């Protein structure tokens, strides 16, 4: 049983919390970790250097396509970073992720 981690960048902590809460409430992800980062990237011909926030959310592989569409629909960036990473963990943790995302509670 494996799961996926989805790495999402945000312009602020408030935005990261809003999107993460939305995804948790919709039972699309089991949990989220949020932390600040420094980002450097090309944007419209210039190198940008920004303070951003990242959320790392954990979910099941079957949710990837609908999750990606949901994030794109609510994310304010023109080109949001929504990156899927396949992961494995201890059995108890993986079972917890699957039970939280797939439960109807």
PDB file of N, CA and C in Angstrom:
ATOM      1  N   UNK A   1       0.867  -1.169   0.000  1.00  0.00           N
ATOM      2  CA  UNK A   1       0.000   0.000   0.000  1.00  0.00           C
ATOM      3  C   UNK A   1       0.912   1.229   0.000  1.00  0.00           C
ATOM      4  N   UNK A   2       0.855   2.039  -1.034  1.00  0.00           N
ATOM      5  CA  UNK A   2       1.628   3.273  -1.056  1.00  0.00           C
ATOM      6  C   UNK A   2       0.672   4.453  -1.151  1.00  0.00           C
ATOM      7  N   UNK A   3       1.199   5.625  -0.922  1.00  0.00           N
ATOM      8  CA  UNK A   3       0.387   6.835  -0.973  1.00  0.00           C
ATOM      9  C   UNK A   3       1.162   7.885  -1.750  1.00  0.00           C
ATOM     10  N   UNK A   4       0.562   9.058  -1.911  1.00  0.00           N
ATOM     11  CA  UNK A   4       1.276  10.148  -2.575  1.00  0.00           C
ATOM     12  C   UNK A   4       1.341  11.361  -1.670  1.00  0.00           C
ATOM     13  N   UNK A   5       2.417  12.090  -1.854  1.00  0.00           N
ATOM     14  CA  UNK A   5       2.604  13.388  -1.218  1.00  0.00           C
ATOM     15  C   UNK A   5       2.437  14.417  -2.332  1.00  0.00           C
ATOM     16  N   UNK A   6       1.689  15.459  -2.065  1.00  0.00           N
ATOM     17  CA  UNK A   6       1.525  16.531  -3.045  1.00  0.00           C
ATOM     18  C   UNK A   6       2.114  17.803  -2.440  1.00  0.00           C
ATOM     19  N   UNK A   7       3.064  18.364  -3.162  1.00  0.00           N
ATOM     20  CA  UNK A   7       3.815  19.560  -2.758  1.00  0.00           C
ATOM     21  C   UNK A   7       3.181  20.743  -3.483  1.00  0.00           C
ATOM     22  N   UNK A   8       2.725  21.737  -2.717  1.00  0.00           N
ATOM     23  CA  UNK A   8       2.012  22.890  -3.294  1.00  0.00           C
ATOM     24  C   UNK A   8       2.630  24.173  -2.740  1.00  0.00           C
ATOM     25  N   UNK A   9       2.954  25.122  -3.613  1.00  0.00           N
ATOM     26  CA  UNK A   9       3.484  26.402  -3.139  1.00  0.00           C
ATOM     27  C   UNK A   9       2.363  27.438  -3.062  1.00  0.00           C
ATOM     28  N   UNK A  10       2.558  28.402  -2.127  1.00  0.00           N
ATOM     29  CA  UNK A  10       1.554  29.444  -1.864  1.00  0.00           C
ATOM     30  C   UNK A  10       2.262  30.766  -1.589  1.00  0.00           C
ATOM     31  N   UNK A  11       1.549  31.854  -1.787  1.00  0.00           N
ATOM     32  CA  UNK A  11       2.138  33.174  -1.551  1.00  0.00           C
ATOM     33  C   UNK A  11       2.144  33.575  -0.076  1.00  0.00           C
ATOM     34  N   UNK A  12       1.320  32.915   0.744  1.00  0.00           N
ATOM     35  CA  UNK A  12       1.243  33.292   2.161  1.00  0.00           C
ATOM     36  C   UNK A  12       0.831  32.099   3.018  1.00  0.00           C
ATOM     37  N   UNK A  13       1.057  32.228   4.305  1.00  0.00           N
ATOM     38  CA  UNK A  13       0.641  31.188   5.242  1.00  0.00           C
ATOM     39  C   UNK A  13      -0.885  31.066   5.258  1.00  0.00           C
ATOM     40  N   UNK A  14      -1.563  32.200   5.195  1.00  0.00           N
ATOM     41  CA  UNK A  14      -3.034  32.200   5.209  1.00  0.00           C
ATOM     42  C   UNK A  14      -3.579  31.415   4.011  1.00  0.00           C
ATOM     43  N   UNK A  15      -2.995  31.656   2.846  1.00  0.00           N
ATOM     44  CA  UNK A  15      -3.427  30.937   1.640  1.00  0.00           C
ATOM     45  C   UNK A  15      -3.151  29.440   1.774  1.00  0.00           C
ATOM     46  N   UNK A  16      -1.984  29.086   2.270  1.00  0.00           N
ATOM     47  CA  UNK A  16      -1.640  27.670   2.454  1.00  0.00           C
ATOM     48  C   UNK A  16      -2.622  27.001   3.411  1.00  0.00           C
ATOM     49  N   UNK A  17      -2.967  27.681   4.491  1.00  0.00           N
ATOM     50  CA  UNK A  17      -3.925  27.128   5.450  1.00  0.00           C
ATOM     51  C   UNK A  17      -5.315  27.012   4.838  1.00  0.00           C
ATOM     52  N   UNK A  18      -5.728  28.015   4.075  1.00  0.00           N
ATOM     53  CA  UNK A  18      -7.063  28.006   3.450  1.00  0.00           C
ATOM     54  C   UNK A  18      -7.200  26.821   2.494  1.00  0.00           C
ATOM     55  N   UNK A  19      -6.215  26.645   1.628  1.00  0.00           N
ATOM     56  CA  UNK A  19      -6.282  25.554   0.656  1.00  0.00           C
ATOM     57  C   UNK A  19      -6.169  24.200   1.356  1.00  0.00           C
ATOM     58  N   UNK A  20      -5.267  24.074   2.312  1.00  0.00           N
ATOM     59  CA  UNK A  20      -5.116  22.820   3.043  1.00  0.00           C
ATOM     60  C   UNK A  20      -6.385  22.466   3.803  1.00  0.00           C
ATOM     61  N   UNK A  21      -6.974  23.435   4.489  1.00  0.00           N
ATOM     62  CA  UNK A  21      -8.232  23.185   5.207  1.00  0.00           C
ATOM     63  C   UNK A  21      -9.328  22.731   4.257  1.00  0.00           C
ATOM     64  N   UNK A  22      -9.420  23.377   3.119  1.00  0.00           N
ATOM     65  CA  UNK A  22     -10.426  23.023   2.110  1.00  0.00           C
ATOM     66  C   UNK A  22     -10.267  21.556   1.689  1.00  0.00           C
ATOM     67  N   UNK A  23      -9.033  21.156   1.403  1.00  0.00           N
ATOM     68  CA  UNK A  23      -8.781  19.791   0.948  1.00  0.00           C
ATOM     69  C   UNK A  23      -9.033  18.765   2.046  1.00  0.00           C
ATOM     70  N   UNK A  24      -8.698  19.111   3.292  1.00  0.00           N
ATOM     71  CA  UNK A  24      -8.973  18.211   4.415  1.00  0.00           C
ATOM     72  C   UNK A  24     -10.476  18.086   4.639  1.00  0.00           C
ATOM     73  N   UNK A  25     -11.188  19.203   4.623  1.00  0.00           N
ATOM     74  CA  UNK A  25     -12.635  19.166   4.835  1.00  0.00           C
ATOM     75  C   UNK A  25     -13.350  18.357   3.757  1.00  0.00           C
ATOM     76  N   UNK A  26     -12.856  18.400   2.540  1.00  0.00           N
ATOM     77  CA  UNK A  26     -13.453  17.622   1.443  1.00  0.00           C
ATOM     78  C   UNK A  26     -13.008  16.160   1.466  1.00  0.00           C
ATOM     79  N   UNK A  27     -12.177  15.779   2.449  1.00  0.00           N
ATOM     80  CA  UNK A  27     -11.658  14.410   2.590  1.00  0.00           C
ATOM     81  C   UNK A  27     -10.827  13.992   1.384  1.00  0.00           C
ATOM     82  N   UNK A  28     -10.187  14.971   0.723  1.00  0.00           N
ATOM     83  CA  UNK A  28      -9.317  14.662  -0.410  1.00  0.00           C
ATOM     84  C   UNK A  28      -7.899  14.364   0.056  1.00  0.00           C
ATOM     85  N   UNK A  29      -7.551  14.841   1.247  1.00  0.00           N
ATOM     86  CA  UNK A  29      -6.243  14.577   1.832  1.00  0.00           C
ATOM     87  C   UNK A  29      -6.434  14.225   3.305  1.00  0.00           C
ATOM     88  N   UNK A  30      -5.490  13.454   3.832  1.00  0.00           N
ATOM     89  CA  UNK A  30      -5.571  13.064   5.244  1.00  0.00           C
ATOM     90  C   UNK A  30      -4.984  14.134   6.155  1.00  0.00           C
ATOM     91  N   UNK A  31      -3.942  14.816   5.688  1.00  0.00           N
ATOM     92  CA  UNK A  31      -3.299  15.821   6.518  1.00  0.00           C
ATOM     93  C   UNK A  31      -2.437  16.736   5.660  1.00  0.00           C
ATOM     94  N   UNK A  32      -1.969  17.815   6.281  1.00  0.00           N
ATOM     95  CA  UNK A  32      -1.102  18.776   5.589  1.00  0.00           C
ATOM     96  C   UNK A  32      -0.045  19.287   6.559  1.00  0.00           C
ATOM     97  N   UNK A  33       1.131  19.522   6.026  1.00  0.00           N
ATOM     98  CA  UNK A  33       2.202  20.200   6.755  1.00  0.00           C
ATOM     99  C   UNK A  33       2.469  21.500   6.007  1.00  0.00           C
ATOM    100  N   UNK A  34       2.636  22.581   6.740  1.00  0.00           N
ATOM    101  CA  UNK A  34       2.817  23.900   6.132  1.00  0.00           C
ATOM    102  C   UNK A  34       4.070  24.541   6.710  1.00  0.00           C
ATOM    103  N   UNK A  35       4.914  25.075   5.827  1.00  0.00           N
ATOM    104  CA  UNK A  35       6.129  25.732   6.306  1.00  0.00           C
ATOM    105  C   UNK A  35       6.615  26.786   5.319  1.00  0.00           C
ATOM    106  N   UNK A  36       7.397  27.778   5.795  1.00  0.00           N
ATOM    107  CA  UNK A  36       7.904  28.851   4.935  1.00  0.00           C
ATOM    108  C   UNK A  36       9.121  28.387   4.126  1.00  0.00           C
ATOM    109  N   UNK A  37       9.264  28.977   2.935  1.00  0.00           N
ATOM    110  CA  UNK A  37      10.418  28.688   2.076  1.00  0.00           C
ATOM    111  C   UNK A  37      10.863  29.970   1.375  1.00  0.00           C
ATOM    112  N   UNK A  38      12.059  29.950   0.820  1.00  0.00           N
ATOM    113  CA  UNK A  38      12.561  30.981  -0.086  1.00  0.00           C
ATOM    114  C   UNK A  38      12.507  30.382  -1.481  1.00  0.00           C
ATOM    115  N   UNK A  39      11.937  31.087  -2.445  1.00  0.00           N
ATOM    116  CA  UNK A  39      11.831  30.579  -3.809  1.00  0.00           C
ATOM    117  C   UNK A  39      12.528  31.504  -4.785  1.00  0.00           C
ATOM    118  N   UNK A  40      13.232  30.906  -5.720  1.00  0.00           N
ATOM    119  CA  UNK A  40      13.838  31.632  -6.832  1.00  0.00           C
ATOM    120  C   UNK A  40      13.384  30.948  -8.108  1.00  0.00           C
ATOM    121  N   UNK A  41      12.935  31.738  -9.098  1.00  0.00           N
ATOM    122  CA  UNK A  41      12.391  31.142 -10.311  1.00  0.00           C
ATOM    123  C   UNK A  41      12.296  32.196 -11.425  1.00  0.00           C
ATOM    124  N   UNK A  42      12.244  31.695 -12.656  1.00  0.00           N
ATOM    125  CA  UNK A  42      12.007  32.564 -13.798  1.00  0.00           C
ATOM    126  C   UNK A  42      10.515  32.858 -13.895  1.00  0.00           C
ATOM    127  N   UNK A  43      10.154  34.129 -14.094  1.00  0.00           N
ATOM    128  CA  UNK A  43       8.759  34.501 -14.319  1.00  0.00           C
ATOM    129  C   UNK A  43       8.729  35.705 -15.245  1.00  0.00           C
ATOM    130  N   UNK A  44       8.162  35.506 -16.428  1.00  0.00           N
ATOM    131  CA  UNK A  44       8.004  36.566 -17.427  1.00  0.00           C
ATOM    132  C   UNK A  44       9.333  37.251 -17.738  1.00  0.00           C
ATOM    133  N   UNK A  45      10.383  36.447 -17.922  1.00  0.00           N
ATOM    134  CA  UNK A  45      11.679  36.959 -18.330  1.00  0.00           C
ATOM    135  C   UNK A  45      12.571  37.478 -17.225  1.00  0.00           C
ATOM    136  N   UNK A  46      12.119  37.409 -15.985  1.00  0.00           N
ATOM    137  CA  UNK A  46      12.908  37.897 -14.854  1.00  0.00           C
ATOM    138  C   UNK A  46      13.111  36.788 -13.829  1.00  0.00           C
ATOM    139  N   UNK A  47      14.223  36.873 -13.116  1.00  0.00           N
ATOM    140  CA  UNK A  47      14.433  35.961 -11.995  1.00  0.00           C
ATOM    141  C   UNK A  47      13.783  36.581 -10.769  1.00  0.00           C
ATOM    142  N   UNK A  48      12.858  35.858 -10.189  1.00  0.00           N
ATOM    143  CA  UNK A  48      12.151  36.296  -8.990  1.00  0.00           C
ATOM    144  C   UNK A  48      12.774  35.632  -7.767  1.00  0.00           C
ATOM    145  N   UNK A  49      12.716  36.317  -6.641  1.00  0.00           N
ATOM    146  CA  UNK A  49      13.222  35.810  -5.369  1.00  0.00           C
ATOM    147  C   UNK A  49      12.177  36.179  -4.323  1.00  0.00           C
ATOM    148  N   UNK A  50      11.380  35.198  -3.902  1.00  0.00           N
ATOM    149  CA  UNK A  50      10.229  35.470  -3.040  1.00  0.00           C
ATOM    150  C   UNK A  50      10.221  34.613  -1.785  1.00  0.00           C
ATOM    151  N   UNK A  51       9.545  35.131  -0.777  1.00  0.00           N
ATOM    152  CA  UNK A  51       9.167  34.329   0.377  1.00  0.00           C
ATOM    153  C   UNK A  51       7.851  33.663   0.007  1.00  0.00           C
ATOM    154  N   UNK A  52       7.777  32.364   0.167  1.00  0.00           N
ATOM    155  CA  UNK A  52       6.553  31.627  -0.112  1.00  0.00           C
ATOM    156  C   UNK A  52       6.303  30.636   1.018  1.00  0.00           C
ATOM    157  N   UNK A  53       5.199  29.939   0.923  1.00  0.00           N
ATOM    158  CA  UNK A  53       4.838  28.892   1.871  1.00  0.00           C
ATOM    159  C   UNK A  53       4.554  27.630   1.076  1.00  0.00           C
ATOM    160  N   UNK A  54       4.863  26.496   1.662  1.00  0.00           N
ATOM    161  CA  UNK A  54       4.606  25.207   1.036  1.00  0.00           C
ATOM    162  C   UNK A  54       3.644  24.424   1.908  1.00  0.00           C
ATOM    163  N   UNK A  55       2.716  23.753   1.248  1.00  0.00           N
ATOM    164  CA  UNK A  55       1.947  22.732   1.964  1.00  0.00           C
ATOM    165  C   UNK A  55       2.308  21.394   1.336  1.00  0.00           C
ATOM    166  N   UNK A  56       2.514  20.430   2.189  1.00  0.00           N
ATOM    167  CA  UNK A  56       2.736  19.057   1.762  1.00  0.00           C
ATOM    168  C   UNK A  56       1.539  18.282   2.283  1.00  0.00           C
ATOM    169  N   UNK A  57       0.745  17.765   1.354  1.00  0.00           N
ATOM    170  CA  UNK A  57      -0.460  17.027   1.737  1.00  0.00           C
ATOM    171  C   UNK A  57      -0.293  15.558   1.375  1.00  0.00           C
ATOM    172  N   UNK A  58      -0.913  14.694   2.166  1.00  0.00           N
ATOM    173  CA  UNK A  58      -0.809  13.256   1.937  1.00  0.00           C
ATOM    174  C   UNK A  58      -2.173  12.709   1.556  1.00  0.00           C
ATOM    175  N   UNK A  59      -2.184  11.872   0.503  1.00  0.00           N
ATOM    176  CA  UNK A  59      -3.431  11.302   0.013  1.00  0.00           C
ATOM    177  C   UNK A  59      -3.153   9.984  -0.694  1.00  0.00           C
ATOM    178  N   UNK A  60      -4.201   9.438  -1.308  1.00  0.00           N
ATOM    179  CA  UNK A  60      -4.070   8.158  -1.999  1.00  0.00           C
ATOM    180  C   UNK A  60      -3.921   8.400  -3.501  1.00  0.00           C
ATOM    181  N   UNK A  61      -3.248   7.494  -4.199  1.00  0.00           N
ATOM    182  CA  UNK A  61      -3.012   7.692  -5.635  1.00  0.00           C
ATOM    183  C   UNK A  61      -4.283   7.884  -6.461  1.00  0.00           C
ATOM    184  N   UNK A  62      -5.371   7.235  -6.067  1.00  0.00           N
ATOM    185  CA  UNK A  62      -6.618   7.322  -6.821  1.00  0.00           C
ATOM    186  C   UNK A  62      -7.201   8.739  -6.838  1.00  0.00           C
ATOM    187  N   UNK A  63      -6.790   9.574  -5.914  1.00  0.00           N
ATOM    188  CA  UNK A  63      -7.315  10.934  -5.784  1.00  0.00           C
ATOM    189  C   UNK A  63      -6.510  11.945  -6.614  1.00  0.00           C
ATOM    190  N   UNK A  64      -5.370  11.571  -7.164  1.00  0.00           N
ATOM    191  CA  UNK A  64      -4.454  12.519  -7.798  1.00  0.00           C
ATOM    192  C   UNK A  64      -5.139  13.424  -8.823  1.00  0.00           C
ATOM    193  N   UNK A  65      -5.831  12.888  -9.795  1.00  0.00           N
ATOM    194  CA  UNK A  65      -6.429  13.733 -10.842  1.00  0.00           C
ATOM    195  C   UNK A  65      -7.487  14.692 -10.276  1.00  0.00           C
ATOM    196  N   UNK A  66      -8.473  14.209  -9.508  1.00  0.00           N
ATOM    197  CA  UNK A  66      -9.448  15.154  -8.956  1.00  0.00           C
ATOM    198  C   UNK A  66      -8.818  16.163  -7.987  1.00  0.00           C
ATOM    199  N   UNK A  67      -7.801  15.725  -7.233  1.00  0.00           N
ATOM    200  CA  UNK A  67      -7.125  16.639  -6.307  1.00  0.00           C
ATOM    201  C   UNK A  67      -6.426  17.756  -7.079  1.00  0.00           C
ATOM    202  N   UNK A  68      -5.723  17.395  -8.122  1.00  0.00           N
ATOM    203  CA  UNK A  68      -5.031  18.386  -8.952  1.00  0.00           C
ATOM    204  C   UNK A  68      -6.035  19.406  -9.508  1.00  0.00           C
ATOM    205  N   UNK A  69      -7.151  18.948 -10.010  1.00  0.00           N
ATOM    206  CA  UNK A  69      -8.182  19.852 -10.556  1.00  0.00           C
ATOM    207  C   UNK A  69      -8.766  20.750  -9.472  1.00  0.00           C
ATOM    208  N   UNK A  70      -8.984  20.191  -8.288  1.00  0.00           N
ATOM    209  CA  UNK A  70      -9.532  20.976  -7.171  1.00  0.00           C
ATOM    210  C   UNK A  70      -8.569  22.086  -6.771  1.00  0.00           C
ATOM    211  N   UNK A  71      -7.284  21.762  -6.663  1.00  0.00           N
ATOM    212  CA  UNK A  71      -6.285  22.766  -6.299  1.00  0.00           C
ATOM    213  C   UNK A  71      -6.220  23.857  -7.362  1.00  0.00           C
ATOM    214  N   UNK A  72      -6.177  23.456  -8.632  1.00  0.00           N
ATOM    215  CA  UNK A  72      -6.127  24.444  -9.714  1.00  0.00           C
ATOM    216  C   UNK A  72      -7.345  25.379  -9.680  1.00  0.00           C
ATOM    217  N   UNK A  73      -8.497  24.851  -9.312  1.00  0.00           N
ATOM    218  CA  UNK A  73      -9.725  25.651  -9.284  1.00  0.00           C
ATOM    219  C   UNK A  73      -9.728  26.695  -8.171  1.00  0.00           C
ATOM    220  N   UNK A  74      -9.033  26.422  -7.050  1.00  0.00           N
ATOM    221  CA  UNK A  74      -9.093  27.345  -5.911  1.00  0.00           C
ATOM    222  C   UNK A  74      -7.795  28.102  -5.665  1.00  0.00           C
ATOM    223  N   UNK A  75      -6.735  27.754  -6.386  1.00  0.00           N
ATOM    224  CA  UNK A  75      -5.425  28.380  -6.167  1.00  0.00           C
ATOM    225  C   UNK A  75      -5.344  29.703  -6.935  1.00  0.00           C
ATOM    226  N   UNK A  76      -4.850  30.776  -6.309  1.00  0.00           N
ATOM    227  CA  UNK A  76      -4.800  32.068  -6.996  1.00  0.00           C
ATOM    228  C   UNK A  76      -3.650  32.238  -8.003  1.00  0.00           C
ATOM    229  N   UNK A  77      -2.626  31.386  -7.969  1.00  0.00           N
ATOM    230  CA  UNK A  77      -1.507  31.529  -8.913  1.00  0.00           C
ATOM    231  C   UNK A  77      -1.953  31.224 -10.342  1.00  0.00           C
ATOM    232  N   UNK A  78      -1.377  31.935 -11.315  1.00  0.00           N
ATOM    233  CA  UNK A  78      -1.612  31.623 -12.729  1.00  0.00           C
ATOM    234  C   UNK A  78      -1.082  30.232 -13.054  1.00  0.00           C
ATOM    235  N   UNK A  79       0.075  29.905 -12.497  1.00  0.00           N
ATOM    236  CA  UNK A  79       0.721  28.609 -12.724  1.00  0.00           C
ATOM    237  C   UNK A  79       1.118  28.032 -11.362  1.00  0.00           C
ATOM    238  N   UNK A  80       0.172  27.397 -10.663  1.00  0.00           N
ATOM    239  CA  UNK A  80       0.526  26.858  -9.350  1.00  0.00           C
ATOM    240  C   UNK A  80       1.442  25.647  -9.463  1.00  0.00           C
ATOM    241  N   UNK A  81       2.311  25.491  -8.485  1.00  0.00           N
ATOM    242  CA  UNK A  81       3.149  24.295  -8.385  1.00  0.00           C
ATOM    243  C   UNK A  81       2.348  23.244  -7.628  1.00  0.00           C
ATOM    244  N   UNK A  82       1.986  22.172  -8.324  1.00  0.00           N
ATOM    245  CA  UNK A  82       1.253  21.052  -7.732  1.00  0.00           C
ATOM    246  C   UNK A  82       2.027  19.807  -8.146  1.00  0.00           C
ATOM    247  N   UNK A  83       2.871  19.322  -7.258  1.00  0.00           N
ATOM    248  CA  UNK A  83       3.814  18.267  -7.602  1.00  0.00           C
ATOM    249  C   UNK A  83       3.496  16.985  -6.839  1.00  0.00           C
ATOM    250  N   UNK A  84       3.342  15.889  -7.568  1.00  0.00           N
ATOM    251  CA  UNK A  84       3.048  14.582  -6.968  1.00  0.00           C
ATOM    252  C   UNK A  84       4.349  13.826  -6.717  1.00  0.00           C
ATOM    253  N   UNK A  85       4.459  13.259  -5.521  1.00  0.00           N
ATOM    254  CA  UNK A  85       5.614  12.448  -5.150  1.00  0.00           C
ATOM    255  C   UNK A  85       5.081  11.134  -4.579  1.00  0.00           C
ATOM    256  N   UNK A  86       5.472  10.028  -5.171  1.00  0.00           N
ATOM    257  CA  UNK A  86       5.050   8.728  -4.647  1.00  0.00           C
ATOM    258  C   UNK A  86       5.839   8.427  -3.384  1.00  0.00           C
ATOM    259  N   UNK A  87       5.151   7.860  -2.391  1.00  0.00           N
ATOM    260  CA  UNK A  87       5.794   7.647  -1.088  1.00  0.00           C
ATOM    261  C   UNK A  87       5.347   6.334  -0.465  1.00  0.00           C
ATOM    262  N   UNK A  88       6.159   5.875   0.452  1.00  0.00           N
ATOM    263  CA  UNK A  88       5.832   4.729   1.290  1.00  0.00           C
ATOM    264  C   UNK A  88       6.184   5.087   2.722  1.00  0.00           C
ATOM    265  N   UNK A  89       5.430   4.516   3.654  1.00  0.00           N
ATOM    266  CA  UNK A  89       5.694   4.764   5.077  1.00  0.00           C
ATOM    267  C   UNK A  89       5.377   3.494   5.851  1.00  0.00           C
ATOM    268  N   UNK A  90       5.450   3.599   7.163  1.00  0.00           N
ATOM    269  CA  UNK A  90       5.075   2.457   7.989  1.00  0.00           C
ATOM    270  C   UNK A  90       3.606   2.104   7.747  1.00  0.00           C
ATOM    271  N   UNK A  91       3.279   0.818   7.911  1.00  0.00           N
ATOM    272  CA  UNK A  91       1.943   0.321   7.590  1.00  0.00           C
ATOM    273  C   UNK A  91       0.839   1.078   8.315  1.00  0.00           C
ATOM    274  N   UNK A  92       1.024   1.337   9.587  1.00  0.00           N
ATOM    275  CA  UNK A  92      -0.020   2.011  10.366  1.00  0.00           C
ATOM    276  C   UNK A  92      -0.317   3.400   9.804  1.00  0.00           C
ATOM    277  N   UNK A  93       0.735   4.125   9.422  1.00  0.00           N
ATOM    278  CA  UNK A  93       0.534   5.477   8.880  1.00  0.00           C
ATOM    279  C   UNK A  93      -0.171   5.419   7.527  1.00  0.00           C
ATOM    280  N   UNK A  94       0.245   4.506   6.671  1.00  0.00           N
ATOM    281  CA  UNK A  94      -0.411   4.377   5.364  1.00  0.00           C
ATOM    282  C   UNK A  94      -1.873   3.983   5.518  1.00  0.00           C
ATOM    283  N   UNK A  95      -2.173   3.070   6.422  1.00  0.00           N
ATOM    284  CA  UNK A  95      -3.572   2.678   6.662  1.00  0.00           C
ATOM    285  C   UNK A  95      -4.377   3.870   7.152  1.00  0.00           C
ATOM    286  N   UNK A  96      -3.779   4.688   7.993  1.00  0.00           N
ATOM    287  CA  UNK A  96      -4.471   5.882   8.492  1.00  0.00           C
ATOM    288  C   UNK A  96      -4.802   6.832   7.335  1.00  0.00           C
ATOM    289  N   UNK A  97      -3.840   7.074   6.438  1.00  0.00           N
ATOM    290  CA  UNK A  97      -4.093   7.950   5.283  1.00  0.00           C
ATOM    291  C   UNK A  97      -5.270   7.414   4.475  1.00  0.00           C
ATOM    292  N   UNK A  98      -5.236   6.130   4.129  1.00  0.00           N
ATOM    293  CA  UNK A  98      -6.311   5.544   3.338  1.00  0.00           C
ATOM    294  C   UNK A  98      -7.654   5.626   4.066  1.00  0.00           C
ATOM    295  N   UNK A  99      -7.649   5.386   5.370  1.00  0.00           N
ATOM    296  CA  UNK A  99      -8.924   5.415   6.114  1.00  0.00           C
ATOM    297  C   UNK A  99      -9.503   6.822   6.183  1.00  0.00           C
ATOM    298  N   UNK A 100      -8.655   7.837   6.297  1.00  0.00           N
ATOM    299  CA  UNK A 100      -9.148   9.210   6.392  1.00  0.00           C
ATOM    300  C   UNK A 100      -9.629   9.747   5.053  1.00  0.00           C
ATOM    301  N   UNK A 101      -8.962   9.398   3.980  1.00  0.00           N
ATOM    302  CA  UNK A 101      -9.353   9.918   2.661  1.00  0.00           C
ATOM    303  C   UNK A 101     -10.574   9.172   2.143  1.00  0.00           C
ATOM    304  N   UNK A 102     -10.671   7.894   2.429  1.00  0.00           N
ATOM    305  CA  UNK A 102     -11.759   7.100   1.870  1.00  0.00           C
ATOM    306  C   UNK A 102     -12.978   7.023   2.765  1.00  0.00           C
ATOM    307  N   UNK A 103     -12.902   7.519   3.989  1.00  0.00           N
ATOM    308  CA  UNK A 103     -14.038   7.398   4.914  1.00  0.00           C
ATOM    309  C   UNK A 103     -15.162   8.355   4.518  1.00  0.00           C
ATOM    310  N   UNK A 104     -16.364   8.003   4.894  1.00  0.00           N
ATOM    311  CA  UNK A 104     -17.544   8.828   4.588  1.00  0.00           C
ATOM    312  C   UNK A 104     -17.992   9.663   5.777  1.00  0.00           C
ATOM    313  N   UNK A 105     -17.206   9.705   6.833  1.00  0.00           N
ATOM    314  CA  UNK A 105     -17.599  10.428   8.047  1.00  0.00           C
ATOM    315  C   UNK A 105     -17.586  11.915   7.833  1.00  0.00           C
TER     316      UNK A 105
END
